[in-house]
Amino acid sequence: MQTAIIILAVGLCVGGLFRLAEARQLMVAGAAAPPATASYIEGSGSYASSDPQPASQDNSEWKIRDTLSGALLLIMLATDVMLGFLVGQLSRMHTDEDYAAWRKLLKLAELDIQIKEPISELRSSIEIAQKLCMAGILRALNQQRKRKIPYHGELGVVAFILFTFVAVHVSHAQTIERYEGILIDTSASIAKGGAGNELFREYLASTKKLLLTEPANSRVWVSRIAGDSFGAAREVVKGWTPDARGVFTDDLSRAQRQLAASFEAKSSTMAAVSSGADIFGGLWHLKALIESSPKSDESRALSKDIWVFSDMMNETKDFPMPTLIESGAARMLQLAKTNGLIVPMHGYKIHVYGASTLHLTPQQWRSLQGFWIAYF
């Protein structure tokens, strides 16, 4: 059927062109005919000849017009046939199974994109919510509650006297049950977070909260992460908290306030301006402080916590993480082992807060997260 329609249209076009050729032949023949003799004599004397040519010219012009009209009719019929053929082809294409399946696949792809966007937002909101949890919640989950000494019955007075006597003697001797180190990132990359160094301010505020909730019998160091966090590092604050038994927590509260006040005064001059971030050196520094502290060798089972407030982007000559992050977590870890940057932290609890996705792609974020999880 398609072949017959195409042959019909071609035949009509050929017929129309043939009729056009006939009309052109008639026009050329009419132009080649001898012109009528013109009379130059005024009046209608015997010398004026009669001219029968106009009647012949009218007949020839009618034939040319008839031929042209026939040719145009045939060409228009061919055009109509081809137009109908094209309309049929378009209708067939839209009802074709492959075309309909392609259109359906396109709609499904758009729907898939619309579904993935809210899923990605929900996952991001979960990660953001996890990072915004207060440090005190995690401390409350990790801290072992001590058994309180009961005060009741007949032994109340005797227990009070004994407790007072023991408290007087214990207050003069420092008892350490846990070590805690806090690292604060002061590199310039932290200041890229926006106006007012909001991320750096959160680091300082969170550190102050930790010091205000410091448990009893703790030894604390607060240090910085800078270009050289080991050899050139100096503690911002270092101190300890006394024992607290039962309801007698005045000394502990006083120690907590003193630690927080000292940190607040010294941190007022701190700023995120360091040209580098030596996270490995900071970990080595706190490990050296804890293990060289009195009684640390005799109390290996004591709790040892390190809080790291940083974006976890190490920027040193030996390990420039911004340029290495594209290589992936596995290769970065291998390079850290080769360069002797693995700090042995057996028995330590590491808490990382403030690791930001700012200025990172999802691939870079996964590499950064995977590296530090494998590292620790």
Protein backbone atom coordinates (compact mmCIF):
# COMPACT_ATOMS: atom_id res chain seq x y z
CA MET A 1 0.00 0.00 0.00
CA GLN A 2 2.81 2.43 0.87
CA THR A 3 4.60 1.61 -2.41
CA ALA A 4 1.42 2.16 -4.41
CA ILE A 5 0.83 5.56 -2.77
CA ILE A 6 4.43 6.65 -3.43
CA ILE A 7 4.20 5.47 -7.13
CA LEU A 8 0.91 7.34 -7.54
CA ALA A 9 2.37 10.55 -6.12
CA VAL A 10 5.48 10.23 -8.32
CA GLY A 11 3.29 9.55 -11.36
CA LEU A 12 1.17 12.62 -10.67
CA CYS A 13 4.31 14.73 -10.25
CA VAL A 14 5.74 13.38 -13.53
CA GLY A 15 2.44 14.08 -15.30
CA GLY A 16 2.36 17.61 -13.90
CA LEU A 17 5.92 18.23 -15.02
CA PHE A 18 5.08 16.88 -18.47
CA ARG A 19 2.12 19.24 -18.75
CA LEU A 20 4.36 22.10 -17.63
CA ALA A 21 6.78 21.16 -20.42
CA GLU A 22 3.88 21.23 -22.94
CA ALA A 23 2.83 24.67 -21.73
CA ARG A 24 6.42 25.89 -22.08
CA GLN A 25 6.53 24.47 -25.62
CA LEU A 26 3.36 26.34 -26.55
CA MET A 27 4.76 29.54 -25.09
CA VAL A 28 7.99 29.16 -27.08
CA ALA A 29 6.04 28.37 -30.25
CA GLY A 30 3.87 31.43 -29.78
CA ALA A 31 6.92 33.60 -29.27
CA ALA A 32 8.55 32.21 -32.46
CA ALA A 33 5.49 32.91 -34.72
CA PRO A 34 5.98 35.77 -37.33
CA PRO A 35 4.62 39.02 -36.05
CA ALA A 36 1.74 40.71 -37.84
CA THR A 37 2.64 43.41 -40.40
CA ALA A 38 2.08 46.78 -38.95
CA SER A 39 0.40 49.46 -41.09
CA TYR A 40 1.97 52.84 -41.19
CA ILE A 41 -0.77 54.49 -43.33
CA GLU A 42 -3.35 56.62 -41.65
CA GLY A 43 -6.94 55.82 -42.44
CA SER A 44 -8.47 52.66 -43.93
CA GLY A 45 -7.44 52.97 -47.54
CA SER A 46 -6.79 50.17 -49.96
CA TYR A 47 -3.23 49.96 -48.80
CA ALA A 48 -4.27 48.91 -45.24
CA SER A 49 -4.11 45.13 -44.97
CA SER A 50 -6.47 43.14 -42.72
CA ASP A 51 -4.76 41.29 -39.71
CA PRO A 52 -6.20 37.86 -38.70
CA GLN A 53 -3.37 37.26 -36.13
CA PRO A 54 -5.19 38.32 -32.92
CA ALA A 55 -7.64 35.42 -33.20
CA SER A 56 -4.78 32.96 -33.52
CA GLN A 57 -2.99 34.48 -30.52
CA ASP A 58 -6.11 34.16 -28.35
CA ASN A 59 -6.41 30.49 -29.22
CA SER A 60 -2.73 29.84 -28.34
CA GLU A 61 -3.01 31.69 -25.00
CA TRP A 62 -6.05 29.60 -24.04
CA LYS A 63 -4.15 26.38 -24.75
CA ILE A 64 -1.20 27.54 -22.59
CA ARG A 65 -3.46 28.40 -19.67
CA ASP A 66 -5.31 25.11 -19.96
CA THR A 67 -2.05 23.17 -20.00
CA LEU A 68 -0.67 25.11 -17.00
CA SER A 69 -3.83 24.57 -14.98
CA GLY A 70 -3.73 20.85 -15.73
CA ALA A 71 -0.09 20.65 -14.68
CA LEU A 72 -0.75 22.51 -11.44
CA LEU A 73 -3.72 20.26 -10.72
CA LEU A 74 -1.60 17.13 -11.10
CA ILE A 75 1.19 18.59 -8.88
CA MET A 76 -1.34 19.61 -6.19
CA LEU A 77 -2.87 16.13 -6.26
CA ALA A 78 0.60 14.63 -5.78
CA THR A 79 1.20 17.05 -2.89
CA ASP A 80 -2.09 16.09 -1.24
CA VAL A 81 -1.29 12.39 -1.60
CA MET A 82 2.16 12.84 0.00
CA LEU A 83 0.71 15.01 2.76
CA GLY A 84 -1.80 12.31 3.60
CA PHE A 85 1.00 9.75 3.49
CA LEU A 86 3.09 11.78 5.95
CA VAL A 87 0.13 12.24 8.30
CA GLY A 88 -0.43 8.52 8.25
CA GLN A 89 3.24 7.89 9.01
CA LEU A 90 3.14 10.28 11.99
CA SER A 91 -0.02 8.63 13.34
CA ARG A 92 1.55 5.22 12.93
CA MET A 93 4.72 6.39 14.73
CA HIS A 94 2.74 7.67 17.73
CA THR A 95 0.86 4.39 17.99
CA ASP A 96 3.98 2.28 17.54
CA GLU A 97 4.86 0.10 20.55
CA ASP A 98 8.54 1.14 20.60
CA TYR A 99 7.67 4.84 20.53
CA ALA A 100 5.03 4.44 23.24
CA ALA A 101 7.50 2.46 25.37
CA TRP A 102 10.13 5.20 24.92
CA ARG A 103 7.67 7.87 26.01
CA LYS A 104 6.70 5.82 29.06
CA LEU A 105 10.38 5.27 29.90
CA LEU A 106 10.98 9.03 29.74
CA LYS A 107 8.13 9.67 32.18
CA LEU A 108 9.45 6.98 34.52
CA ALA A 109 12.92 8.57 34.44
CA GLU A 110 11.45 11.96 35.40
CA LEU A 111 9.45 10.33 38.19
CA ASP A 112 12.61 8.56 39.43
CA ILE A 113 14.42 11.91 39.66
CA GLN A 114 11.49 13.45 41.57
CA ILE A 115 11.54 10.55 44.07
CA LYS A 116 15.32 10.58 44.59
CA GLU A 117 15.45 14.29 45.45
CA PRO A 118 13.33 14.07 48.65
CA ILE A 119 15.15 10.84 49.61
CA SER A 120 18.49 12.64 49.35
CA GLU A 121 17.13 15.55 51.42
CA LEU A 122 15.88 13.16 54.11
CA ARG A 123 19.25 11.41 54.31
CA SER A 124 21.03 14.75 54.56
CA SER A 125 18.67 15.86 57.34
CA ILE A 126 19.51 12.70 59.28
CA GLU A 127 23.24 13.39 59.04
CA ILE A 128 22.72 17.03 60.03
CA ALA A 129 20.62 15.99 63.03
CA GLN A 130 23.33 13.59 64.16
CA LYS A 131 25.96 16.33 64.03
CA LEU A 132 23.81 18.80 65.93
CA CYS A 133 23.41 16.49 68.94
CA MET A 134 24.81 18.04 72.08
CA ALA A 135 28.05 16.73 73.45
CA GLY A 136 26.43 16.18 76.79
CA ILE A 137 24.11 13.52 75.37
CA LEU A 138 27.00 11.35 74.27
CA ARG A 139 28.82 12.00 77.51
CA ALA A 140 25.72 10.92 79.44
CA LEU A 141 25.57 7.67 77.44
CA ASN A 142 29.26 6.90 77.94
CA GLN A 143 29.69 7.97 81.53
CA GLN A 144 29.34 5.26 84.14
CA ARG A 145 27.23 6.29 87.00
CA LYS A 146 28.82 5.78 90.38
CA ARG A 147 27.02 4.15 93.17
CA LYS A 148 25.90 6.64 95.75
CA ILE A 149 26.68 5.99 99.40
CA PRO A 150 23.40 5.65 101.26
CA TYR A 151 22.82 7.88 104.27
CA HIS A 152 20.06 6.51 106.41
CA GLY A 153 19.33 4.81 109.65
CA GLU A 154 21.33 4.84 112.82
CA LEU A 155 24.74 5.03 111.15
CA GLY A 156 24.03 8.46 109.65
CA VAL A 157 26.10 10.41 112.17
CA VAL A 158 28.98 7.92 112.14
CA ALA A 159 29.03 7.81 108.32
CA PHE A 160 29.01 11.60 108.14
CA ILE A 161 32.00 11.86 110.50
CA LEU A 162 33.94 9.18 108.63
CA PHE A 163 33.14 10.72 105.25
CA THR A 164 34.25 14.16 106.41
CA PHE A 165 37.52 12.75 107.74
CA VAL A 166 38.20 10.88 104.48
CA ALA A 167 37.21 13.89 102.36
CA VAL A 168 39.66 16.14 104.18
CA HIS A 169 42.52 13.77 103.47
CA VAL A 170 41.49 12.96 99.90
CA SER A 171 41.14 16.63 99.03
CA HIS A 172 44.87 17.03 99.51
CA ALA A 173 45.68 14.12 97.17
CA GLN A 174 44.70 14.12 93.55
CA THR A 175 42.97 10.93 92.41
CA ILE A 176 42.74 10.40 88.66
CA GLU A 177 40.18 8.02 87.20
CA ARG A 178 39.96 9.36 83.66
CA TYR A 179 41.97 11.41 81.20
CA GLU A 180 40.43 13.75 78.69
CA GLY A 181 42.01 15.71 75.85
CA ILE A 182 40.26 18.28 73.68
CA LEU A 183 41.61 19.39 70.28
CA ILE A 184 40.30 22.58 68.64
CA ASP A 185 41.02 23.21 64.96
CA THR A 186 42.34 26.75 64.38
CA SER A 187 43.24 26.35 60.70
CA ALA A 188 42.13 28.95 58.17
CA SER A 189 39.93 26.38 56.41
CA ILE A 190 37.51 26.56 59.34
CA ALA A 191 36.97 30.27 58.64
CA LYS A 192 35.62 29.48 55.18
CA GLY A 193 32.35 28.39 56.75
CA GLY A 194 30.75 31.82 56.48
CA ALA A 195 30.35 35.13 58.25
CA GLY A 196 31.59 35.31 61.81
CA ASN A 197 33.38 31.96 61.77
CA GLU A 198 30.21 30.21 62.96
CA LEU A 199 31.79 26.75 62.87
CA PHE A 200 34.77 27.91 64.96
CA ARG A 201 32.42 29.57 67.46
CA GLU A 202 30.55 26.28 67.80
CA TYR A 203 33.87 24.56 68.59
CA LEU A 204 34.57 27.03 71.41
CA ALA A 205 31.02 26.84 72.80
CA SER A 206 31.06 23.02 72.77
CA THR A 207 34.45 22.94 74.53
CA LYS A 208 33.11 25.20 77.26
CA LYS A 209 30.12 22.87 77.74
CA LEU A 210 32.47 19.90 78.11
CA LEU A 211 34.50 21.69 80.76
CA LEU A 212 31.35 22.69 82.67
CA THR A 213 30.24 19.03 82.77
CA GLU A 214 33.64 17.51 83.48
CA PRO A 215 33.26 14.42 85.72
CA ALA A 216 35.08 14.07 89.02
CA ASN A 217 38.64 12.77 89.21
CA SER A 218 39.46 13.83 85.66
CA ARG A 219 42.63 15.31 84.22
CA VAL A 220 41.97 17.63 81.28
CA TRP A 221 44.03 19.21 78.51
CA VAL A 222 42.73 21.60 75.86
CA SER A 223 45.07 22.04 72.90
CA ARG A 224 44.99 23.48 69.39
CA ILE A 225 45.28 22.00 65.94
CA ALA A 226 47.62 24.21 63.92
CA GLY A 227 50.42 23.89 61.38
CA ASP A 228 52.61 22.05 63.95
CA SER A 229 50.35 20.54 66.59
CA PHE A 230 53.09 18.51 68.28
CA GLY A 231 56.37 20.38 68.64
CA ALA A 232 54.98 23.92 68.73
CA ALA A 233 51.73 23.17 70.58
CA ARG A 234 50.92 24.77 73.92
CA GLU A 235 47.91 23.88 75.97
CA VAL A 236 45.13 26.46 76.10
CA VAL A 237 43.90 25.04 79.41
CA LYS A 238 45.03 22.15 81.58
CA GLY A 239 43.69 21.13 84.96
CA TRP A 240 41.87 18.51 86.94
CA THR A 241 38.69 17.95 88.90
CA PRO A 242 38.53 16.73 92.53
CA ASP A 243 36.59 13.86 93.93
CA ALA A 244 32.87 14.21 94.65
CA ARG A 245 30.90 11.90 96.89
CA GLY A 246 27.20 11.98 97.44
CA VAL A 247 25.79 15.49 97.76
CA PHE A 248 29.17 17.08 98.45
CA THR A 249 29.96 18.42 94.99
CA ASP A 250 30.96 22.00 95.79
CA ASP A 251 34.62 21.39 95.01
CA LEU A 252 33.75 19.67 91.72
CA SER A 253 31.42 22.49 90.67
CA ARG A 254 34.07 25.06 91.57
CA ALA A 255 36.68 23.19 89.52
CA GLN A 256 34.33 22.96 86.53
CA ARG A 257 33.61 26.70 86.65
CA GLN A 258 37.30 27.50 86.96
CA LEU A 259 38.17 25.37 83.95
CA ALA A 260 35.39 26.95 81.86
CA ALA A 261 36.29 30.49 82.96
CA SER A 262 39.97 29.98 82.23
CA PHE A 263 39.17 28.59 78.80
CA GLU A 264 36.75 31.41 78.03
CA ALA A 265 39.36 34.03 78.93
CA LYS A 266 42.15 32.42 76.90
CA SER A 267 39.95 31.51 73.92
CA SER A 268 38.86 35.14 73.49
CA THR A 269 42.09 35.73 71.58
CA MET A 270 41.89 32.53 69.54
CA ALA A 271 41.03 32.68 65.83
CA ALA A 272 40.98 30.32 62.89
CA VAL A 273 44.00 31.77 61.12
CA SER A 274 46.56 28.95 61.06
CA SER A 275 47.96 28.14 57.62
CA GLY A 276 47.84 24.39 58.24
CA ALA A 277 46.06 21.68 60.22
CA ASP A 278 48.25 18.97 61.77
CA ILE A 279 45.61 16.59 63.15
CA PHE A 280 48.06 13.69 63.46
CA GLY A 281 50.45 15.89 65.50
CA GLY A 282 47.57 16.91 67.78
CA LEU A 283 46.73 13.27 68.47
CA TRP A 284 50.40 12.47 69.16
CA HIS A 285 50.61 15.46 71.51
CA LEU A 286 47.59 14.43 73.62
CA LYS A 287 48.76 10.81 73.69
CA ALA A 288 52.16 11.94 75.00
CA LEU A 289 50.53 14.12 77.69
CA ILE A 290 48.20 11.36 78.86
CA GLU A 291 50.82 8.63 78.95
CA SER A 292 53.39 10.82 80.70
CA SER A 293 50.90 11.93 83.32
CA PRO A 294 51.42 10.64 86.89
CA LYS A 295 49.97 7.17 87.55
CA SER A 296 49.20 6.64 83.89
CA ASP A 297 51.51 3.60 83.78
CA GLU A 298 49.89 2.11 86.87
CA SER A 299 46.33 2.73 85.66
CA ARG A 300 46.17 1.41 82.15
CA ALA A 301 42.49 0.57 82.52
CA LEU A 302 41.50 4.19 83.16
CA SER A 303 39.13 5.91 80.78
CA LYS A 304 40.91 7.95 78.10
CA ASP A 305 38.79 10.22 75.90
CA ILE A 306 39.86 12.60 73.13
CA TRP A 307 37.43 15.12 71.65
CA VAL A 308 38.35 16.48 68.22
CA PHE A 309 36.56 19.65 67.06
CA SER A 310 37.70 19.88 63.44
CA ASP A 311 36.63 19.56 59.82
CA MET A 312 39.14 16.65 59.76
CA MET A 313 40.95 18.04 56.72
CA ASN A 314 44.64 17.48 57.53
CA GLU A 315 46.79 20.09 55.78
CA THR A 316 50.51 19.44 56.25
CA LYS A 317 53.50 19.03 53.93
CA ASP A 318 53.67 15.28 54.61
CA PHE A 319 49.94 14.72 54.19
CA PRO A 320 48.10 17.44 52.18
CA MET A 321 44.63 15.92 52.33
CA PRO A 322 42.92 18.50 50.02
CA THR A 323 45.10 17.26 47.15
CA LEU A 324 45.01 13.58 48.17
CA ILE A 325 41.30 13.21 48.79
CA GLU A 326 40.52 12.49 45.13
CA SER A 327 42.69 9.31 45.31
CA GLY A 328 40.25 7.67 47.75
CA ALA A 329 40.29 6.51 51.38
CA ALA A 330 42.34 3.33 50.81
CA ARG A 331 45.24 5.06 49.10
CA MET A 332 45.31 7.86 51.67
CA LEU A 333 45.43 5.32 54.49
CA GLN A 334 48.31 3.49 52.80
CA LEU A 335 50.20 6.79 52.43
CA ALA A 336 49.63 7.58 56.12
CA LYS A 337 51.08 4.18 57.09
CA THR A 338 54.06 4.71 54.77
CA ASN A 339 54.81 8.14 56.28
CA GLY A 340 54.48 6.85 59.86
CA LEU A 341 51.41 8.99 60.63
CA ILE A 342 49.33 6.27 62.33
CA VAL A 343 48.96 7.17 66.02
CA PRO A 344 48.39 4.02 68.15
CA MET A 345 45.20 4.83 70.08
CA HIS A 346 44.40 1.45 71.63
CA GLY A 347 42.15 1.95 74.65
CA TYR A 348 41.18 5.50 73.67
CA LYS A 349 37.72 6.79 72.82
CA ILE A 350 37.79 9.31 69.98
CA HIS A 351 34.85 11.70 69.55
CA VAL A 352 34.84 13.79 66.35
CA TYR A 353 32.54 16.80 66.07
CA GLY A 354 32.35 19.52 63.46
CA ALA A 355 33.40 17.51 60.40
CA SER A 356 31.68 19.62 57.76
CA THR A 357 30.65 18.86 54.16
CA LEU A 358 31.30 22.49 53.19
CA HIS A 359 33.16 22.91 49.87
CA LEU A 360 33.19 19.10 49.37
CA THR A 361 31.55 16.91 46.77
CA PRO A 362 29.70 13.74 47.87
CA GLN A 363 32.63 11.64 46.60
CA GLN A 364 35.15 13.70 48.59
CA TRP A 365 32.98 13.48 51.71
CA ARG A 366 32.81 9.69 51.46
CA SER A 367 36.59 9.50 51.02
CA LEU A 368 37.16 11.76 54.05
CA GLN A 369 34.75 9.82 56.24
CA GLY A 370 36.02 6.42 55.08
CA PHE A 371 39.65 7.40 55.72
CA TRP A 372 39.15 8.49 59.34
CA ILE A 373 36.93 5.51 60.19
CA ALA A 374 39.60 3.16 58.83
CA TYR A 375 42.35 5.21 60.50
CA PHE A 376 40.89 4.97 63.99
